[in-house]
Amino acid sequence: MMTHQPRLLLLLLATLLFGWSIAEVQAQEGTRQLMPPDGSNNPQGTCYITFRRSQAPNFALEGARESDRLHIHLKAGEKVYFGMKLGTGTAANLSFRFKDPDGVDVTGFARQVVPTNATAGLNNDPGYIDNYSQAITGPNGITKNGSTITTGYTPRSFTATKTGDYYIEFQTWNAGSFGSVVNTNPPAYNIEFFDITVTDGNDVLVSAPGNPNESVGRLWSRNWGLSSNGFNNFISTEFFVYTFDGFVNKFKAQMAPFVFTVVSNSFGTNRTGDALFNRKSFRGDAINRAGTDIAEHKIFLNDPDISVYPNSTIQPIIKVWFNQVLLLDFDYSRTPQELPPQPRCHQCDEKCLGRLPTRVYGLV
């Protein structure tokens, strides 16, 4: 009898240092997870959402395929509060809009310019996040663990009229041609600060079971487009991969990648009938090459909401190798469940990985 064993394949672009670790997840979804605060509430690393880069050409753009969208799962009657700050690029030439699960513009959130702040240091544009402290504190006016947030940012919001996956789309426009002529080759556009917070109809944070300070995982994509804004800038970001069979894999990426994408699937860098070939490392852009979509699993910044994304009943067996080094050997039904692994952070030299921003490496 064959036992079904869920398997995770993770693909990273420009990976220089890769590792796993356990850390507490906090409320809100966005900058707080992409650049988690240290003990002094300073950001650990640099990790921005990015658009129209060669390594992430379609992420969260208007008309992108489903796997490139940036989704927010909402239940009818829930509210979503959000804010952002453009780090690089021209705000007047960047638009955003929200779509409901049927692809219809959310009322009040058809295509419009991203929030800006005309007066430096003043948070006078709803939806604009002025600084890192506001980004990790969250939206003013919501209730978290019995207390109302007052030291965060002034948000924009809407109430869901349907249950399902809403999504936010961005677009880059030629100067002076907003809404009419798309700029397909603009300078770098990075969202420095970004926050999505889901509440119930009474503005109370939809929190994780047993932890009223922690947002449930509702923000996800199958193909995140991110940037450390330089080869010398490290990221320290946790991701939660929800597989098609309901298994949650948590990993922490610690590396200096510049522009990169994060995807996960069950087959590898190719979709062919040859399983061994599919799992080979691929030099080039395996994710965005024509006719191929290898982004399969949903990837969250927080632990996925168990009321929407139920746990698997399968007892998993997981083995992960990198460069022929066994990093993880886990068997749920074995005692001990996890055998002593090799060091979780595996340092590779230039010969091993190089610094090519479009090189893809697989973990099987």
Protein backbone atom coordinates (compact mmCIF):
# COMPACT_ATOMS: atom_id res chain seq x y z
CA MET A 1 0.00 0.00 0.00
CA MET A 2 1.38 3.39 -0.96
CA THR A 3 1.22 6.15 1.64
CA HIS A 4 0.68 9.69 0.39
CA GLN A 5 3.54 11.89 1.55
CA PRO A 6 3.23 15.64 1.07
CA ARG A 7 6.36 17.18 -0.36
CA LEU A 8 7.53 20.76 -0.54
CA LEU A 9 9.76 22.20 -3.23
CA LEU A 10 10.88 25.77 -2.61
CA LEU A 11 12.40 27.95 -5.30
CA LEU A 12 14.32 31.15 -4.60
CA LEU A 13 16.02 33.57 -6.99
CA ALA A 14 19.53 34.83 -6.22
CA THR A 15 19.81 32.79 -3.03
CA LEU A 16 23.01 33.50 -1.10
CA LEU A 17 22.10 32.28 2.38
CA PHE A 18 19.17 30.06 3.22
CA GLY A 19 17.91 28.83 6.58
CA TRP A 20 15.00 28.00 8.85
CA SER A 21 14.25 29.29 12.33
CA ILE A 22 11.29 29.79 14.66
CA ALA A 23 10.12 33.25 15.67
CA GLU A 24 6.94 34.79 17.00
CA VAL A 25 4.55 36.22 14.43
CA GLN A 26 2.93 39.55 15.22
CA ALA A 27 -0.26 41.32 14.19
CA GLN A 28 -0.91 42.93 10.83
CA GLU A 29 0.31 41.53 7.52
CA GLY A 30 2.92 43.19 5.37
CA THR A 31 5.98 45.14 6.51
CA ARG A 32 5.80 43.65 10.00
CA GLN A 33 6.55 40.21 8.53
CA LEU A 34 8.70 41.26 5.57
CA MET A 35 10.98 43.32 7.86
CA PRO A 36 10.24 42.04 11.38
CA PRO A 37 11.18 44.29 14.31
CA ASP A 38 14.06 43.46 16.61
CA GLY A 39 13.99 43.99 20.36
CA SER A 40 14.29 47.76 19.84
CA ASN A 41 11.57 47.88 17.16
CA ASN A 42 14.10 48.45 14.40
CA PRO A 43 13.67 46.52 11.14
CA GLN A 44 15.56 43.29 10.69
CA GLY A 45 16.70 43.50 7.09
CA THR A 46 15.24 45.21 4.04
CA CYS A 47 12.42 43.59 2.10
CA TYR A 48 10.10 45.57 -0.17
CA ILE A 49 7.28 44.63 -2.52
CA THR A 50 8.50 45.35 -6.06
CA PHE A 51 6.98 45.72 -9.54
CA ARG A 52 8.06 45.32 -13.16
CA ARG A 53 11.50 43.97 -12.37
CA SER A 54 12.99 41.37 -14.72
CA GLN A 55 12.88 38.76 -11.95
CA ALA A 56 9.28 39.60 -10.99
CA PRO A 57 7.78 41.19 -14.11
CA ASN A 58 4.08 40.58 -13.44
CA PHE A 59 3.67 40.39 -9.68
CA ALA A 60 0.47 42.14 -8.48
CA LEU A 61 0.01 44.01 -11.77
CA GLU A 62 -3.29 44.67 -13.52
CA GLY A 63 -4.40 41.68 -15.56
CA ALA A 64 -1.76 39.35 -14.08
CA ARG A 65 -2.41 35.62 -14.05
CA GLU A 66 -3.93 34.24 -10.86
CA SER A 67 -0.61 32.94 -9.56
CA ASP A 68 0.94 36.44 -9.77
CA ARG A 69 -1.86 38.19 -7.87
CA LEU A 70 -1.61 39.52 -4.32
CA HIS A 71 -4.72 38.11 -2.60
CA ILE A 72 -6.57 38.93 0.62
CA HIS A 73 -9.15 36.37 1.71
CA LEU A 74 -12.21 38.01 3.28
CA LYS A 75 -15.51 36.80 4.64
CA ALA A 76 -18.64 38.82 3.89
CA GLY A 77 -19.02 41.53 6.54
CA GLU A 78 -15.34 41.67 7.43
CA LYS A 79 -13.32 44.84 6.91
CA VAL A 80 -9.88 45.29 5.44
CA TYR A 81 -7.74 48.25 6.53
CA PHE A 82 -4.64 49.09 4.52
CA GLY A 83 -1.85 51.55 3.96
CA MET A 84 1.39 51.85 2.01
CA LYS A 85 4.34 54.06 1.17
CA LEU A 86 6.11 54.13 -2.17
CA GLY A 87 9.86 53.81 -1.58
CA THR A 88 11.23 54.24 -5.10
CA GLY A 89 9.41 55.38 -8.22
CA THR A 90 7.03 58.24 -9.01
CA ALA A 91 3.78 58.07 -7.06
CA ALA A 92 1.87 60.06 -9.68
CA ASN A 93 2.63 57.29 -12.21
CA LEU A 94 1.64 54.30 -10.05
CA SER A 95 -1.96 53.23 -9.56
CA PHE A 96 -3.69 50.63 -7.42
CA ARG A 97 -7.16 49.15 -7.25
CA PHE A 98 -8.99 46.38 -5.37
CA LYS A 99 -10.95 43.63 -7.09
CA ASP A 100 -13.55 41.38 -5.48
CA PRO A 101 -13.58 37.58 -5.94
CA ASP A 102 -15.53 37.99 -9.20
CA GLY A 103 -13.00 40.45 -10.65
CA VAL A 104 -15.24 43.49 -10.13
CA ASP A 105 -13.79 46.77 -8.81
CA VAL A 106 -14.50 47.24 -5.11
CA THR A 107 -16.75 50.27 -4.63
CA GLY A 108 -14.58 53.34 -4.05
CA PHE A 109 -11.41 51.49 -5.06
CA ALA A 110 -11.32 51.55 -8.83
CA ARG A 111 -7.98 52.57 -10.34
CA GLN A 112 -6.41 55.52 -8.47
CA VAL A 113 -3.04 57.00 -7.50
CA VAL A 114 -1.26 55.32 -4.60
CA PRO A 115 -1.51 57.23 -1.28
CA THR A 116 1.02 60.05 -0.95
CA ASN A 117 1.93 62.64 1.62
CA ALA A 118 2.37 66.18 0.31
CA THR A 119 3.78 67.50 3.59
CA ALA A 120 6.80 65.61 4.84
CA GLY A 121 6.34 64.21 8.33
CA LEU A 122 2.56 64.72 8.36
CA ASN A 123 0.27 61.76 7.88
CA ASN A 124 -2.45 63.76 6.13
CA ASP A 125 -3.33 61.33 3.33
CA PRO A 126 -5.43 58.35 4.45
CA GLY A 127 -3.70 55.15 3.47
CA TYR A 128 -0.22 56.67 3.63
CA ILE A 129 2.28 55.07 6.05
CA ASP A 130 4.86 57.64 7.05
CA ASN A 131 7.45 55.47 8.79
CA TYR A 132 8.41 51.99 9.95
CA SER A 133 6.93 52.45 13.42
CA GLN A 134 3.49 53.19 11.95
CA ALA A 135 3.80 50.23 9.58
CA ILE A 136 4.39 47.68 12.35
CA THR A 137 1.86 49.25 14.72
CA GLY A 138 -0.99 48.98 12.26
CA PRO A 139 -4.08 51.03 11.41
CA ASN A 140 -5.48 53.53 13.89
CA GLY A 141 -8.97 52.85 15.15
CA ILE A 142 -8.99 49.07 15.17
CA THR A 143 -9.15 47.05 18.39
CA LYS A 144 -6.44 44.52 19.16
CA ASN A 145 -6.59 42.48 22.37
CA GLY A 146 -9.05 44.94 23.95
CA SER A 147 -7.04 48.08 23.11
CA THR A 148 -7.59 50.60 20.33
CA ILE A 149 -4.57 51.42 18.16
CA THR A 150 -3.81 55.16 18.21
CA THR A 151 -0.10 55.40 17.28
CA GLY A 152 -0.22 53.72 13.88
CA TYR A 153 -1.16 55.13 10.48
CA THR A 154 -4.46 56.59 9.25
CA PRO A 155 -5.87 53.82 7.04
CA ARG A 156 -8.26 53.44 4.18
CA SER A 157 -10.75 50.59 4.37
CA PHE A 158 -13.69 48.77 2.84
CA THR A 159 -16.16 46.11 3.95
CA ALA A 160 -16.36 42.82 2.09
CA THR A 161 -19.72 42.13 0.48
CA LYS A 162 -18.69 38.65 -0.67
CA THR A 163 -16.71 35.76 0.78
CA GLY A 164 -13.63 34.85 -1.20
CA ASP A 165 -10.25 36.03 -2.45
CA TYR A 166 -10.07 39.76 -3.09
CA TYR A 167 -6.88 41.09 -4.67
CA ILE A 168 -4.98 44.33 -5.11
CA GLU A 169 -3.56 45.32 -8.48
CA PHE A 170 -0.93 47.94 -9.33
CA GLN A 171 0.00 49.52 -12.66
CA THR A 172 2.82 51.75 -13.90
CA TRP A 173 1.99 54.59 -16.32
CA ASN A 174 3.93 56.94 -18.57
CA ALA A 175 4.39 60.42 -17.15
CA GLY A 176 1.40 62.55 -18.06
CA SER A 177 -0.57 59.53 -19.32
CA PHE A 178 -2.04 58.13 -16.11
CA GLY A 179 -4.70 55.56 -16.89
CA SER A 180 -4.07 55.54 -20.63
CA VAL A 181 -0.47 54.59 -21.57
CA VAL A 182 1.18 51.81 -19.57
CA ASN A 183 4.93 52.12 -18.93
CA THR A 184 6.23 48.58 -19.37
CA ASN A 185 9.86 49.45 -18.63
CA PRO A 186 9.82 51.99 -15.78
CA PRO A 187 12.52 52.65 -13.20
CA ALA A 188 12.34 50.51 -10.09
CA TYR A 189 9.05 50.68 -8.19
CA ASN A 190 9.25 49.45 -4.60
CA ILE A 191 6.59 49.66 -1.90
CA GLU A 192 8.69 50.39 1.19
CA PHE A 193 5.89 50.06 3.76
CA PHE A 194 2.75 48.00 3.23
CA ASP A 195 0.05 46.80 5.58
CA ILE A 196 -3.14 44.78 5.28
CA THR A 197 -5.20 44.25 8.44
CA VAL A 198 -8.47 42.27 8.54
CA THR A 199 -11.08 42.93 11.24
CA ASP A 200 -14.61 41.82 11.93
CA GLY A 201 -17.54 44.16 11.34
CA ASN A 202 -16.88 45.84 14.71
CA ASP A 203 -13.26 46.74 13.88
CA VAL A 204 -11.83 43.99 16.11
CA LEU A 205 -8.72 42.28 14.73
CA VAL A 206 -9.40 38.84 13.28
CA SER A 207 -6.78 37.10 15.38
CA ALA A 208 -5.22 33.68 15.60
CA PRO A 209 -6.78 31.17 18.04
CA GLY A 210 -5.34 31.74 21.50
CA ASN A 211 -3.36 34.83 20.50
CA PRO A 212 -5.39 38.07 20.28
CA ASN A 213 -2.27 40.04 19.24
CA GLU A 214 -1.59 37.97 16.14
CA SER A 215 -3.37 38.37 12.81
CA VAL A 216 -4.51 35.23 11.08
CA GLY A 217 -2.96 34.57 7.69
CA ARG A 218 -5.19 36.03 4.99
CA LEU A 219 -2.65 37.78 2.70
CA TRP A 220 -1.10 35.44 0.13
CA SER A 221 0.36 34.99 -3.30
CA ARG A 222 1.70 32.04 -5.23
CA ASN A 223 4.56 34.12 -6.62
CA TRP A 224 5.85 36.96 -4.40
CA GLY A 225 7.90 39.70 -6.08
CA LEU A 226 10.30 41.19 -3.51
CA SER A 227 13.47 43.24 -3.27
CA SER A 228 16.16 43.86 -0.68
CA ASN A 229 16.98 47.08 -2.60
CA GLY A 230 20.63 46.14 -3.07
CA PHE A 231 22.98 43.14 -3.16
CA ASN A 232 24.44 44.08 0.23
CA ASN A 233 21.07 44.29 2.03
CA PHE A 234 19.92 41.18 3.86
CA ILE A 235 16.39 40.01 4.41
CA SER A 236 15.14 38.06 7.42
CA THR A 237 11.62 37.05 6.43
CA GLU A 238 9.36 34.16 7.37
CA PHE A 239 6.91 32.59 4.95
CA PHE A 240 4.15 30.02 5.43
CA VAL A 241 3.52 27.68 2.50
CA TYR A 242 0.05 26.11 2.37
CA THR A 243 0.14 23.06 0.12
CA PHE A 244 -2.72 21.67 -1.96
CA ASP A 245 -3.15 18.87 0.60
CA GLY A 246 -3.44 21.21 3.59
CA PHE A 247 0.08 21.00 4.98
CA VAL A 248 1.73 24.20 6.31
CA ASN A 249 5.49 24.58 5.82
CA LYS A 250 7.14 27.47 7.65
CA PHE A 251 10.55 28.69 6.55
CA LYS A 252 12.73 31.71 7.17
CA ALA A 253 14.76 33.21 4.35
CA GLN A 254 17.99 34.89 5.42
CA MET A 255 19.95 36.11 2.43
CA ALA A 256 21.17 39.10 0.43
CA PRO A 257 19.33 38.58 -2.87
CA PHE A 258 18.44 42.03 -4.32
CA VAL A 259 15.37 41.29 -6.50
CA PHE A 260 13.87 37.83 -6.07
CA THR A 261 10.66 35.84 -6.18
CA VAL A 262 9.40 33.13 -3.86
CA VAL A 263 7.33 30.25 -5.20
CA SER A 264 6.60 26.72 -4.02
CA ASN A 265 5.37 23.62 -5.83
CA SER A 266 5.27 19.83 -5.73
CA PHE A 267 7.22 19.10 -8.92
CA GLY A 268 10.26 21.33 -9.49
CA THR A 269 11.64 23.88 -11.93
CA ASN A 270 9.87 22.32 -14.93
CA ARG A 271 6.52 20.72 -15.78
CA THR A 272 7.42 17.66 -17.85
CA GLY A 273 6.77 13.93 -17.58
CA ASP A 274 10.32 13.39 -16.25
CA ALA A 275 10.29 13.85 -12.45
CA LEU A 276 14.10 13.81 -12.17
CA PHE A 277 14.48 16.43 -14.88
CA ASN A 278 11.81 18.58 -13.24
CA ARG A 279 13.81 18.67 -10.02
CA LYS A 280 17.08 19.80 -11.57
CA SER A 281 18.42 23.26 -10.91
CA PHE A 282 17.66 25.61 -13.78
CA ARG A 283 19.92 28.43 -14.92
CA GLY A 284 17.71 31.22 -16.17
CA ASP A 285 14.23 32.42 -15.37
CA ALA A 286 12.31 29.23 -14.59
CA ILE A 287 9.35 31.10 -13.11
CA ASN A 288 8.48 33.58 -15.84
CA ARG A 289 9.60 31.83 -19.03
CA ALA A 290 6.94 31.67 -21.72
CA GLY A 291 4.31 28.96 -21.43
CA THR A 292 5.32 27.80 -17.97
CA ASP A 293 3.74 28.54 -14.61
CA ILE A 294 5.49 26.71 -11.79
CA ALA A 295 3.92 28.71 -8.93
CA GLU A 296 1.55 26.21 -7.30
CA HIS A 297 1.15 26.62 -3.54
CA LYS A 298 -0.26 29.58 -1.63
CA ILE A 299 2.42 31.46 0.34
CA PHE A 300 1.42 33.55 3.37
CA LEU A 301 3.24 35.97 5.67
CA ASN A 302 1.32 34.69 8.73
CA ASP A 303 0.10 31.23 9.68
CA PRO A 304 -2.91 30.62 7.38
CA ASP A 305 -6.30 31.08 9.03
CA ILE A 306 -7.35 27.55 10.04
CA SER A 307 -11.03 28.45 9.61
CA VAL A 308 -10.37 29.02 5.91
CA TYR A 309 -7.34 26.80 5.30
CA PRO A 310 -7.85 23.61 7.37
CA ASN A 311 -4.98 21.41 8.47
CA SER A 312 -4.14 18.22 6.63
CA THR A 313 -5.02 14.91 8.27
CA ILE A 314 -2.01 13.30 6.57
CA GLN A 315 0.96 12.36 8.73
CA PRO A 316 3.83 14.01 6.86
CA ILE A 317 7.28 12.74 5.97
CA ILE A 318 9.60 15.53 4.90
CA LYS A 319 13.18 15.45 3.68
CA VAL A 320 14.94 18.53 2.36
CA TRP A 321 18.33 18.58 0.67
CA PHE A 322 20.44 21.49 -0.52
CA ASN A 323 23.62 20.87 -2.52
CA GLN A 324 23.37 17.18 -1.57
CA VAL A 325 23.31 18.09 2.14
CA LEU A 326 20.32 16.75 4.08
CA LEU A 327 18.95 19.74 5.99
CA LEU A 328 15.68 18.32 7.30
CA ASP A 329 14.55 14.75 8.07
CA PHE A 330 11.09 14.75 9.67
CA ASP A 331 8.62 11.89 10.08
CA TYR A 332 5.44 12.64 12.02
CA SER A 333 4.91 9.00 13.04
CA ARG A 334 8.54 8.38 14.05
CA THR A 335 10.16 8.79 17.46
CA PRO A 336 11.99 11.11 17.44
CA GLN A 337 10.06 12.93 14.76
CA GLU A 338 13.07 14.95 13.60
CA LEU A 339 16.52 13.41 13.28
CA PRO A 340 19.58 15.55 14.05
CA PRO A 341 20.01 17.72 10.95
CA GLN A 342 22.93 19.44 9.38
CA PRO A 343 23.24 23.15 10.29
CA ARG A 344 20.02 24.85 9.21
CA CYS A 345 21.81 27.76 7.54
CA HIS A 346 23.92 26.56 4.62
CA GLN A 347 26.49 29.03 3.35
CA CYS A 348 27.41 28.75 -0.32
CA ASP A 349 30.40 30.32 -1.98
CA GLU A 350 30.47 32.27 -5.23
CA LYS A 351 31.26 29.15 -7.23
CA CYS A 352 28.23 27.39 -5.79
CA LEU A 353 25.59 30.04 -6.44
CA GLY A 354 27.17 33.02 -8.12
CA ARG A 355 25.42 36.38 -8.04
CA LEU A 356 23.18 35.97 -11.05
CA PRO A 357 19.82 37.56 -10.19
CA THR A 358 17.90 35.23 -12.52
CA ARG A 359 19.36 31.92 -11.43
CA VAL A 360 16.94 29.45 -9.84
CA TYR A 361 17.82 26.74 -7.36
CA GLY A 362 15.53 24.00 -6.13
CA LEU A 363 15.17 22.19 -2.84
CA VAL A 364 13.71 18.70 -3.06
